[in-house]
Structures are given as structure tokens and as C-alpha cells.
Protein backbone atom coordinates (compact mmCIF):
# COMPACT_ATOMS: atom_id res chain seq x y z
CA MET A 1 81.27 149.62 77.98
CA ARG A 2 80.53 149.19 74.26
CA ILE A 3 81.56 145.97 72.46
CA ILE A 4 82.04 145.82 68.71
CA SER A 5 82.54 142.39 67.17
CA LEU A 6 84.65 141.95 64.03
CA CYS A 7 83.74 138.57 62.56
CA LEU A 8 86.66 136.41 61.39
CA LEU A 9 84.91 133.06 61.31
CA LEU A 10 85.29 132.46 57.62
CA LEU A 11 89.05 131.99 57.98
CA PRO A 12 90.26 128.54 59.19
CA ALA A 13 93.20 130.14 61.00
CA LEU A 14 94.45 133.71 61.23
CA TRP A 15 97.83 135.03 62.29
CA LEU A 16 97.53 138.34 64.09
CA ARG A 17 101.13 139.42 63.78
CA ALA A 18 104.53 138.12 62.82
CA GLU A 19 107.29 137.48 65.36
CA ARG A 20 107.60 140.41 67.71
CA LEU A 21 111.13 141.59 68.51
CA SER A 22 112.44 142.76 71.84
CA GLY A 23 115.93 143.55 72.90
CA GLY A 24 118.27 146.51 73.14
CA ASP A 25 121.15 148.48 71.67
CA ILE A 26 124.14 146.80 73.28
CA SER A 27 126.86 148.40 71.12
CA LEU A 28 129.27 149.09 74.00
CA LEU A 29 129.14 145.66 75.60
CA PRO A 30 132.65 144.59 74.43
CA ASP A 31 134.18 147.61 76.17
CA TYR A 32 132.29 146.91 79.40
CA GLU A 33 133.31 143.26 79.36
CA LYS A 34 136.93 144.24 78.70
CA ALA A 35 136.78 146.66 81.67
CA GLY A 36 135.53 143.91 83.94
CA ALA A 37 131.84 144.67 84.13
CA VAL A 38 129.89 142.22 86.24
CA TYR A 39 126.28 141.51 85.25
CA LYS A 40 124.03 139.75 87.68
CA THR A 41 120.53 138.36 87.71
CA SER A 42 117.93 140.16 89.82
CA SER A 43 118.71 137.65 92.58
CA GLY A 44 122.44 138.35 92.51
CA GLU A 45 123.81 135.44 90.50
CA VAL A 46 126.63 136.34 88.10
CA ILE A 47 125.70 136.18 84.44
CA PRO A 48 128.68 134.72 82.53
CA ASP A 49 127.48 135.80 79.07
CA LEU A 50 124.97 138.65 78.85
CA ILE A 51 123.98 137.92 75.23
CA ALA A 52 123.36 134.25 75.85
CA TYR A 53 121.44 135.02 79.05
CA SER A 54 119.29 137.64 77.28
CA ALA A 55 118.36 135.09 74.63
CA GLU A 56 117.59 132.46 77.28
CA GLN A 57 115.21 134.89 78.99
CA GLY A 58 113.35 135.62 75.76
CA MET A 59 115.00 138.55 74.03
CA ASN A 60 115.23 137.81 70.33
CA ALA A 61 116.94 140.84 68.74
CA MET A 62 119.81 143.20 69.44
CA ARG A 63 120.81 146.48 67.83
CA VAL A 64 124.42 147.48 67.04
CA ARG A 65 125.57 150.86 65.78
CA LEU A 66 128.36 151.48 63.24
CA PHE A 67 130.47 154.57 62.50
CA LEU A 68 132.69 155.07 59.46
CA ASP A 69 135.95 156.15 61.16
CA PRO A 70 135.61 157.34 64.78
CA ALA A 71 139.35 158.12 65.00
CA ALA A 72 138.90 160.74 62.30
CA TYR A 73 136.50 162.88 64.40
CA HIS A 74 138.18 165.64 66.42
CA GLY A 75 135.26 167.84 67.42
CA ALA A 76 134.97 169.26 70.90
CA ASP A 77 132.16 166.77 71.61
CA ALA A 78 134.20 163.72 70.65
CA ASP A 79 132.94 160.77 72.67
CA PRO A 80 134.92 157.58 73.30
CA ASN A 81 131.65 155.64 73.40
CA ALA A 82 131.17 156.38 69.68
CA CYS A 83 133.86 153.82 68.84
CA GLN A 84 132.10 151.11 66.84
CA THR A 85 133.99 150.29 63.67
CA LEU A 86 133.36 147.24 61.49
CA GLU A 87 136.29 145.50 63.18
CA TYR A 88 134.80 146.32 66.60
CA ILE A 89 131.28 145.07 65.87
CA LEU A 90 132.08 141.85 63.97
CA PRO A 91 132.66 139.64 67.05
CA LEU A 92 129.66 141.26 68.80
CA CYS A 93 127.38 140.65 65.84
CA ARG A 94 128.58 137.04 65.62
CA ARG A 95 127.66 136.44 69.25
CA ILE A 96 124.23 137.93 68.68
CA LYS A 97 123.58 135.74 65.63
CA ASP A 98 125.06 132.63 67.31
CA SER A 99 122.65 133.13 70.19
CA GLY A 100 119.72 132.82 67.73
CA MET A 101 118.74 136.48 67.98
CA GLN A 102 118.07 138.83 65.07
CA LEU A 103 120.52 141.62 64.32
CA LEU A 104 119.54 145.23 63.71
CA LEU A 105 122.49 147.13 62.19
CA ASP A 106 122.35 150.90 62.68
CA PHE A 107 124.43 152.81 60.13
CA HIS A 108 125.24 156.28 61.53
CA TYR A 109 126.95 157.31 58.26
CA SER A 110 129.25 159.55 60.27
CA ASP A 111 132.47 159.40 62.28
CA THR A 112 130.57 160.34 65.41
CA TRP A 113 127.01 160.35 66.83
CA ALA A 114 124.41 161.12 64.21
CA ASP A 115 121.19 162.54 65.65
CA PRO A 116 118.72 165.28 64.66
CA ALA A 117 121.12 168.04 65.67
CA LYS A 118 124.25 166.47 64.21
CA GLN A 119 124.55 164.58 60.93
CA TYR A 120 128.12 165.40 60.00
CA THR A 121 129.63 163.90 56.84
CA PRO A 122 132.55 161.55 57.59
CA ALA A 123 135.96 163.13 57.13
CA ALA A 124 136.79 160.78 54.28
CA TRP A 125 133.80 162.06 52.33
CA ALA A 126 133.92 165.73 53.34
CA SER A 127 135.13 167.13 50.00
CA MET A 128 132.81 165.07 47.82
CA SER A 129 130.05 166.46 45.63
CA ASP A 130 126.51 165.22 46.22
CA GLU A 131 126.84 162.82 43.28
CA GLN A 132 130.09 161.42 44.67
CA LEU A 133 128.45 161.13 48.08
CA GLU A 134 125.66 158.99 46.59
CA THR A 135 128.27 156.66 45.10
CA ALA A 136 130.32 156.53 48.32
CA LEU A 137 127.28 155.82 50.42
CA TYR A 138 126.19 153.00 48.11
CA GLU A 139 129.65 151.42 47.96
CA TYR A 140 130.27 151.73 51.72
CA THR A 141 126.88 150.22 52.60
CA LEU A 142 127.33 147.40 50.09
CA THR A 143 130.86 146.45 51.08
CA THR A 144 130.08 146.61 54.79
CA LEU A 145 127.06 144.32 54.41
CA LEU A 146 128.93 141.90 52.20
CA SER A 147 131.75 141.76 54.71
CA LEU A 148 129.28 140.96 57.49
CA LYS A 149 127.74 138.23 55.31
CA GLU A 150 131.10 136.73 54.50
CA ASN A 151 131.70 136.50 58.25
CA GLY A 152 128.36 134.75 58.81
CA VAL A 153 126.59 137.68 60.46
CA GLU A 154 124.05 138.91 57.92
CA PRO A 155 121.78 141.61 59.49
CA ASP A 156 118.06 140.96 59.68
CA LEU A 157 117.25 144.66 59.84
CA ILE A 158 119.25 147.61 58.57
CA GLN A 159 118.90 151.23 59.59
CA THR A 160 120.03 153.49 56.75
CA GLY A 161 120.77 156.42 59.04
CA ASN A 162 120.19 157.28 62.68
CA GLU A 163 117.45 159.75 63.71
CA ILE A 164 117.44 161.38 60.29
CA SER A 165 114.45 163.68 60.74
CA TYR A 166 116.48 166.56 59.34
CA GLY A 167 118.40 164.77 56.68
CA MET A 168 121.90 163.27 56.65
CA LEU A 169 125.47 163.96 55.55
CA TRP A 170 125.20 167.69 56.18
CA GLY A 171 128.84 168.62 55.96
CA PRO A 172 131.89 168.34 58.24
CA GLU A 173 131.91 169.57 61.81
CA GLY A 174 132.70 173.24 62.04
CA THR A 175 131.26 174.23 58.64
CA ALA A 176 128.04 175.78 59.82
CA ASP A 177 127.05 177.14 56.42
CA ALA A 178 127.37 173.74 54.79
CA ALA A 179 125.44 172.08 57.58
CA LYS A 180 122.64 174.66 57.45
CA LYS A 181 122.39 174.41 53.67
CA LYS A 182 122.04 170.65 53.70
CA CYS A 183 119.74 170.18 56.74
CA PHE A 184 117.10 172.85 56.07
CA MET A 185 114.20 170.50 55.21
CA GLY A 186 111.97 173.36 54.12
CA SER A 187 113.94 173.22 50.89
CA ASP A 188 112.63 170.88 48.23
CA GLU A 189 116.19 170.73 46.83
CA ASN A 190 117.42 169.32 50.14
CA TRP A 191 114.54 166.82 50.24
CA GLN A 192 115.47 165.56 46.79
CA ARG A 193 119.11 165.30 47.80
CA PHE A 194 118.08 163.38 50.90
CA GLY A 195 115.92 161.03 48.85
CA ARG A 196 118.75 160.24 46.43
CA LEU A 197 121.06 159.41 49.30
CA LEU A 198 118.49 157.08 50.92
CA ARG A 199 117.74 155.38 47.63
CA SER A 200 121.48 154.73 47.17
CA ALA A 201 121.75 153.21 50.63
CA GLY A 202 118.58 151.19 50.14
CA ARG A 203 119.75 149.83 46.81
CA ALA A 204 122.94 148.52 48.48
CA CYS A 205 120.87 146.85 51.21
CA ARG A 206 118.62 145.07 48.70
CA GLU A 207 121.61 143.85 46.69
CA ALA A 208 123.65 142.59 49.62
CA CYS A 209 120.92 141.45 52.02
CA PRO A 210 117.66 140.94 50.04
CA GLN A 211 115.93 139.27 52.98
CA ALA A 212 116.69 142.07 55.45
CA ARG A 213 114.15 144.72 56.34
CA ILE A 214 115.20 148.34 55.87
CA VAL A 215 114.41 150.78 58.71
CA ILE A 216 114.02 154.54 58.32
CA HIS A 217 114.60 156.01 61.78
CA THR A 218 113.20 159.29 63.10
CA GLU A 219 112.42 160.80 66.54
CA ARG A 220 109.60 163.33 65.98
CA VAL A 221 107.11 161.36 68.11
CA ALA A 222 106.06 164.61 69.79
CA GLU A 223 105.11 166.08 66.40
CA PRO A 224 102.78 163.66 64.58
CA ALA A 225 102.15 166.04 61.72
CA VAL A 226 105.89 166.27 61.09
CA LEU A 227 106.19 162.52 61.26
CA ARG A 228 103.42 162.10 58.75
CA TYR A 229 104.94 164.66 56.40
CA PHE A 230 108.35 163.00 56.66
CA TYR A 231 107.10 159.53 55.71
CA ASP A 232 104.81 160.94 53.06
CA ARG A 233 107.91 162.47 51.53
CA MET A 234 109.66 159.10 51.71
CA GLU A 235 106.79 157.65 49.69
CA SER A 236 106.69 160.46 47.13
CA MET A 237 110.48 160.16 46.65
CA GLU A 238 110.14 156.37 46.22
CA VAL A 239 112.49 155.58 49.07
CA ASP A 240 112.57 151.83 49.50
CA TYR A 241 112.05 150.69 53.12
CA ASP A 242 109.98 148.34 55.27
CA VAL A 243 109.94 149.62 58.85
CA ILE A 244 109.30 152.95 60.45
CA GLY A 245 111.78 153.20 63.31
CA LEU A 246 111.02 155.57 66.19
CA SER A 247 112.91 156.92 69.20
CA TYR A 248 110.63 157.44 72.19
CA TYR A 249 111.95 158.72 75.51
CA PRO A 250 109.14 159.99 77.75
CA TYR A 251 111.39 162.53 79.47
CA PHE A 252 112.17 164.06 76.06
CA HIS A 253 109.04 163.42 74.03
CA GLY A 254 106.07 163.35 76.41
CA ASP A 255 103.59 160.88 77.86
CA LEU A 256 102.25 157.63 76.37
CA ALA A 257 99.27 159.51 74.89
CA THR A 258 101.79 161.41 72.77
CA LEU A 259 103.23 158.15 71.48
CA GLU A 260 99.72 156.76 70.91
CA LYS A 261 98.86 159.73 68.71
CA ALA A 262 102.06 159.28 66.70
CA LEU A 263 101.32 155.63 66.16
CA THR A 264 97.74 156.14 65.03
CA THR A 265 98.88 158.90 62.71
CA LEU A 266 101.46 156.65 61.08
CA GLU A 267 99.08 153.71 60.82
CA SER A 268 96.62 156.00 59.00
CA SER A 269 99.14 157.54 56.63
CA GLN A 270 101.40 154.55 56.06
CA PRO A 271 99.18 151.51 56.51
CA GLY A 272 101.51 149.07 54.78
CA LYS A 273 104.54 149.76 57.01
CA LEU A 274 105.68 148.02 60.15
CA VAL A 275 106.67 150.17 63.16
CA MET A 276 109.39 149.53 65.70
CA VAL A 277 110.46 151.59 68.70
CA VAL A 278 114.18 151.22 68.12
CA GLU A 279 115.18 153.40 71.09
CA THR A 280 113.47 153.86 74.44
CA GLY A 281 114.47 154.10 78.07
CA TYR A 282 113.55 155.31 81.52
CA SER A 283 115.59 155.89 84.65
CA TYR A 284 115.75 153.45 87.51
CA LYS A 285 117.19 155.87 90.07
CA TRP A 286 118.03 159.44 89.07
CA GLU A 287 116.64 161.92 86.57
CA VAL A 288 118.18 161.70 83.12
CA PRO A 289 120.17 164.92 82.47
CA GLY A 290 118.43 167.29 80.08
CA SER A 291 114.97 165.90 80.83
CA ILE A 292 112.14 168.07 79.56
CA TYR A 293 109.24 166.25 81.25
CA ASP A 294 108.99 164.95 84.80
CA PHE A 295 106.97 161.75 85.14
CA SER A 296 108.33 160.78 88.55
CA ARG A 297 104.83 160.81 90.09
CA GLN A 298 103.49 158.44 87.47
CA TRP A 299 106.66 156.39 87.16
CA PRO A 300 108.87 156.90 90.22
CA LEU A 301 112.61 157.16 89.61
CA SER A 302 113.18 153.68 90.98
CA ALA A 303 113.50 150.14 89.67
CA VAL A 304 109.80 149.69 90.33
CA GLY A 305 108.97 152.93 88.50
CA GLN A 306 111.15 151.95 85.53
CA ASN A 307 109.35 148.64 85.28
CA LYS A 308 105.98 150.31 85.54
CA PHE A 309 106.85 152.56 82.64
CA LEU A 310 107.94 149.63 80.50
CA THR A 311 104.89 147.59 81.37
CA GLU A 312 102.54 150.40 80.38
CA LEU A 313 104.58 151.05 77.24
CA GLU A 314 104.34 147.37 76.20
CA GLN A 315 100.59 147.39 76.82
CA LEU A 316 100.19 150.35 74.52
CA LEU A 317 102.39 148.85 71.78
CA SER A 318 100.59 145.52 72.01
CA ALA A 319 97.34 147.19 70.99
CA HIS A 320 98.89 148.16 67.63
CA ASP A 321 99.25 145.30 65.18
CA SER A 322 101.72 147.36 63.15
CA VAL A 323 104.24 147.56 66.00
CA GLN A 324 106.63 144.63 65.88
CA GLY A 325 109.74 145.72 67.73
CA LEU A 326 110.93 147.33 70.97
CA PHE A 327 114.59 148.09 71.74
CA TRP A 328 115.96 149.53 74.96
CA TRP A 329 118.75 152.09 74.64
CA TRP A 330 122.03 151.24 76.36
CA PRO A 331 120.72 148.45 78.62
CA GLU A 332 124.23 147.09 79.13
CA TYR A 333 125.61 150.20 80.84
CA ASN A 334 127.52 149.03 83.92
CA ALA A 335 129.47 151.13 86.39
CA PHE A 336 129.65 148.35 88.96
CA SER A 337 133.28 147.47 88.25
CA THR A 338 134.37 149.57 85.28
CA SER A 339 136.38 152.73 84.81
CA LEU A 340 134.74 153.82 81.55
CA SER A 341 133.73 157.41 81.00
CA GLY A 342 130.27 158.85 81.39
CA TRP A 343 127.23 158.02 83.45
CA TYR A 344 123.85 156.82 82.39
CA ASN A 345 120.73 156.67 84.56
CA ALA A 346 118.50 154.33 82.55
CA PRO A 347 120.18 150.97 81.91
CA LEU A 348 118.61 147.62 82.80
CA PHE A 349 121.27 146.89 85.43
CA ASP A 350 121.77 148.71 88.72
CA SER A 351 125.07 150.54 88.33
CA LEU A 352 125.93 150.12 92.01
CA THR A 353 125.20 146.38 92.36
CA GLY A 354 125.31 144.98 88.83
CA GLN A 355 121.95 143.33 89.31
CA ALA A 356 119.28 143.30 86.62
CA THR A 357 116.35 145.61 87.27
CA PRO A 358 112.84 144.11 87.00
CA ALA A 359 112.41 145.81 83.62
CA PHE A 360 115.01 143.44 82.12
CA LEU A 361 112.67 140.43 82.35
CA THR A 362 109.63 142.56 81.41
CA LEU A 363 111.38 143.49 78.18
CA ALA A 364 112.43 139.88 77.58
CA SER A 365 108.91 138.59 78.05
CA TRP A 366 107.41 140.93 75.43
CA SER A 367 108.75 138.83 72.54
CA ARG A 368 107.32 135.66 74.10
CA THR A 369 103.82 137.16 74.15
CA ALA A 370 103.89 137.97 70.48
CA GLY A 371 100.21 137.70 69.85
CA VAL A 372 97.56 134.99 69.45
CA GLU A 373 99.06 132.50 66.99
CA ARG A 374 95.70 131.18 65.98
CA LEU A 375 92.32 132.59 66.78
CA PRO A 376 90.16 130.05 68.70
CA MET A 377 87.36 129.03 66.33
CA VAL A 378 83.81 127.97 67.08
CA GLY A 379 83.97 124.41 68.36
CA ASP A 380 87.48 124.83 69.67
CA LYS A 381 87.98 123.66 73.24
CA ALA A 382 89.14 127.16 74.12
CA GLY A 383 86.36 128.87 72.17
CA ASP A 384 84.80 130.50 75.24
CA ILE A 385 88.08 131.91 76.54
CA TRP A 386 88.94 135.59 76.04
CA PHE A 387 92.45 136.61 75.00
CA ASP A 388 94.15 139.93 74.61
CA LEU A 389 96.38 140.63 71.63
CA THR A 390 99.47 139.44 73.45
CA GLY A 391 97.95 135.98 73.64
CA ARG A 392 97.23 136.12 77.37
CA GLN A 393 93.96 134.84 78.76
CA VAL A 394 91.88 137.59 80.33
CA SER A 395 88.67 137.75 82.33
CA ALA A 396 85.95 140.35 83.00
CA PRO A 397 85.74 143.21 83.68
CA LEU A 398 87.59 144.07 80.51
CA PRO A 399 89.30 147.44 80.10
CA ARG A 400 89.21 149.21 76.78
CA GLY A 401 91.10 147.37 74.10
CA ILE A 402 91.03 144.63 71.45
CA TYR A 403 90.32 141.02 72.41
CA VAL A 404 89.70 137.65 70.79
CA ARG A 405 86.78 135.34 71.67
CA ARG A 406 85.32 132.48 69.65
CA GLY A 407 87.18 133.41 66.50
CA GLU A 408 86.11 137.04 66.65
CA LYS A 409 88.24 140.11 67.14
CA ILE A 410 86.31 142.25 69.62
CA ILE A 411 86.85 145.93 70.40
CA VAL A 412 85.81 147.06 73.88
CA ARG A 413 85.31 150.85 73.98
């Protein structure tokens, strides 16, 4: 074991990181509640209000998605779960803000799911030129945010696009040529178009919600070089944003070492940016359909295995000062007493009993261990105590990592 001491004694007090956010994307909660979903604690007690309970347990942020006009999408893959209009999300956002939690608003800029393979332009904008699209994007973003503010639900974080690794607003569903032309990111022309769109969206965010942090969301965790190139292009195109948002699903992207490499790459190339994992998840019972990797030996497909994955993920993220957010995807899924379509294997509630899985409280506790508020200085009563970067007291033998002792940040290799 090799110990390297980084002296911080000249500072009277030092904050290691700002408030750390933990929560989930709960965009479908109103439909589940309307369908009679029953959420229970891990011990079986009924939870009357999931948002209020989540806040009581320590979660301090929730993510909500927004589509332009879901009723206008008629593709073969139309999904009733992609139903979130401004009218739909307003009451949900109000509940989130009233609970004291921060709100992350996820603009999909589409009538349906926007992801790396599908970034279709909304039907209302389908015939617009690129210049008209820039204007429409700006005006839509601005008016939406102002409407939220007028209703007392100003977002704290704003995603200008969802998983936009290959651009956005490609063209309407069914027009393959238009989609291909606008998503081929080997073309500098397409990059410049993409940059103009993001700058338009960002300008609206700054005007409407100047205190909010803008998130640029990608999912190329398995390809660190691609990630680096993407965010380097954001910088060269002068795209205004604050947070690098990542999707990380181990069954799609790989092990934690893969995520670690992506994080260190981004910290090296974009040292001034915060990082948040805005989507993650792992199954509590069955394999997630379409899985590429099988980690069932490391993290069994059980409630215990799901919690083990999350615990190890949180430990990894806690070692990176740049990482300040973790959001679980679709934690509110509940098939216990609903008739809604679809099936999901990785919520934070057992679909057969309605009870919270252990990972629910593990996620909630991550925001409460947001780092050492103040480094213990020489002469402090706690000066001889060792802490990890989550603020928890630790004792020897120490595994590899970063610790704090007597006002010094110490790396154990």
C-alpha cells in the first residue's frame, strides 16, 4: 500500500463537493397512481405519497421527461408510455418542487422517445428549414420554461435533448434519407447544424432560468474516445452547458471499469464540467430484454444483487469529485395492481408485491453522504479520524481510494 498526502492545511475550511443529487426519472408516476398502483416500504407498509416518502428518505432530485405532441406520433413503435406533455407534467413537477427536491427537466424535442437510434423531428416542425428549426426550438424551450416558472415549478437542471450522441431533430419518422443526412456525425456540416440547435436551446434556458444548470446528455460510456470527441466538439462549437449527463446500464454498456474509464477520460478532457449519471438501472429479478452483457454472477438477478450493483456504483462515483448526480431509470414502475402496458425488470419496487427493494434506500442515502463538509484541521477534536469522500468514518486496513485525515487529502494506492 502506497500513501500519497496532498496537504490542504493552509485553508481554514474546504468544501469537497457541492450538494450531491440522487433520485430517479419518475415520469410515469401519475399514470401508475391513476391505475391504482400500491407502493410499499420494504417492510410492507403502504406509502401514501411516493414523492413525499422519497424526499423523507433522502432523495433530493427527480427527473421528468417532456415530449412536444405525443398524439401526433403514429409510427409502428408508438408507445403509450411516451405521453408526457406540458399539461401532464405540471402537477408532477409541482409535487417534486413542493417536496423540497430539485427538478431535472428532460426535453426530448420529439413527439416520441428520442435516443441514439431515433431523434425524429416533431410533426409540427417536420417541414421547417434548419433556420426555422433553430427558431422553433428556441421559442418552444423558452415558452415551456416560462410556463413552468409561472406555475411555480422552475427546473433546477435542464436537459436540452435526450441521448443526443448522434445529433437531434433528424427528420420525421419514415423519411430514412432525411434522417441519415442529419444524423451522420462524420459530417462537419451536420456537427455545425447540431451546434446551432443546441446553442438556440441553451440561449432559451439562460434567458428563462438563469440559475438552472444545462445538461448535455449522451450514452457512449462504452466508447470513451467517442465521448471525449463529442464534448470536445461541444467546446469548439461554443455550446453553453454545465453538466455532462451520462446513461450507464451495465447490461448494455459493460462493467464498472468501463464507466471508470469514461469518467477519467471526461475529467481529463473537460475538467471544468460536472458529471451526472442521469440514467442507470439493474434488474432485481429477471434479465432485462436485449441485454448485451451478463453480470448475474457478480450481481445476481435478485433484490440483493440489484442492491450490490448500486452500492458498488455509488462507491465508484463517490471517488470522483466531478460526479454530483445519480438518477435511477423508471424506479416507479409498478405492476402490483395496475393494468398498464409493458413490463420492466429493473424498478425499485417489486412488481409482484409492491414493496421497495433494498436499492431504494441505498439510492436515497447517497445524497445524505454528499462528502466531507469541512476537512478536520490540525487541533480539531476529530483530527485523528479518517474519512472517505462520502464523509463516513473509516478504519484500517484501507482499500485503494481517497481519504481525509488531519486536514490532508490522502490517496491510498
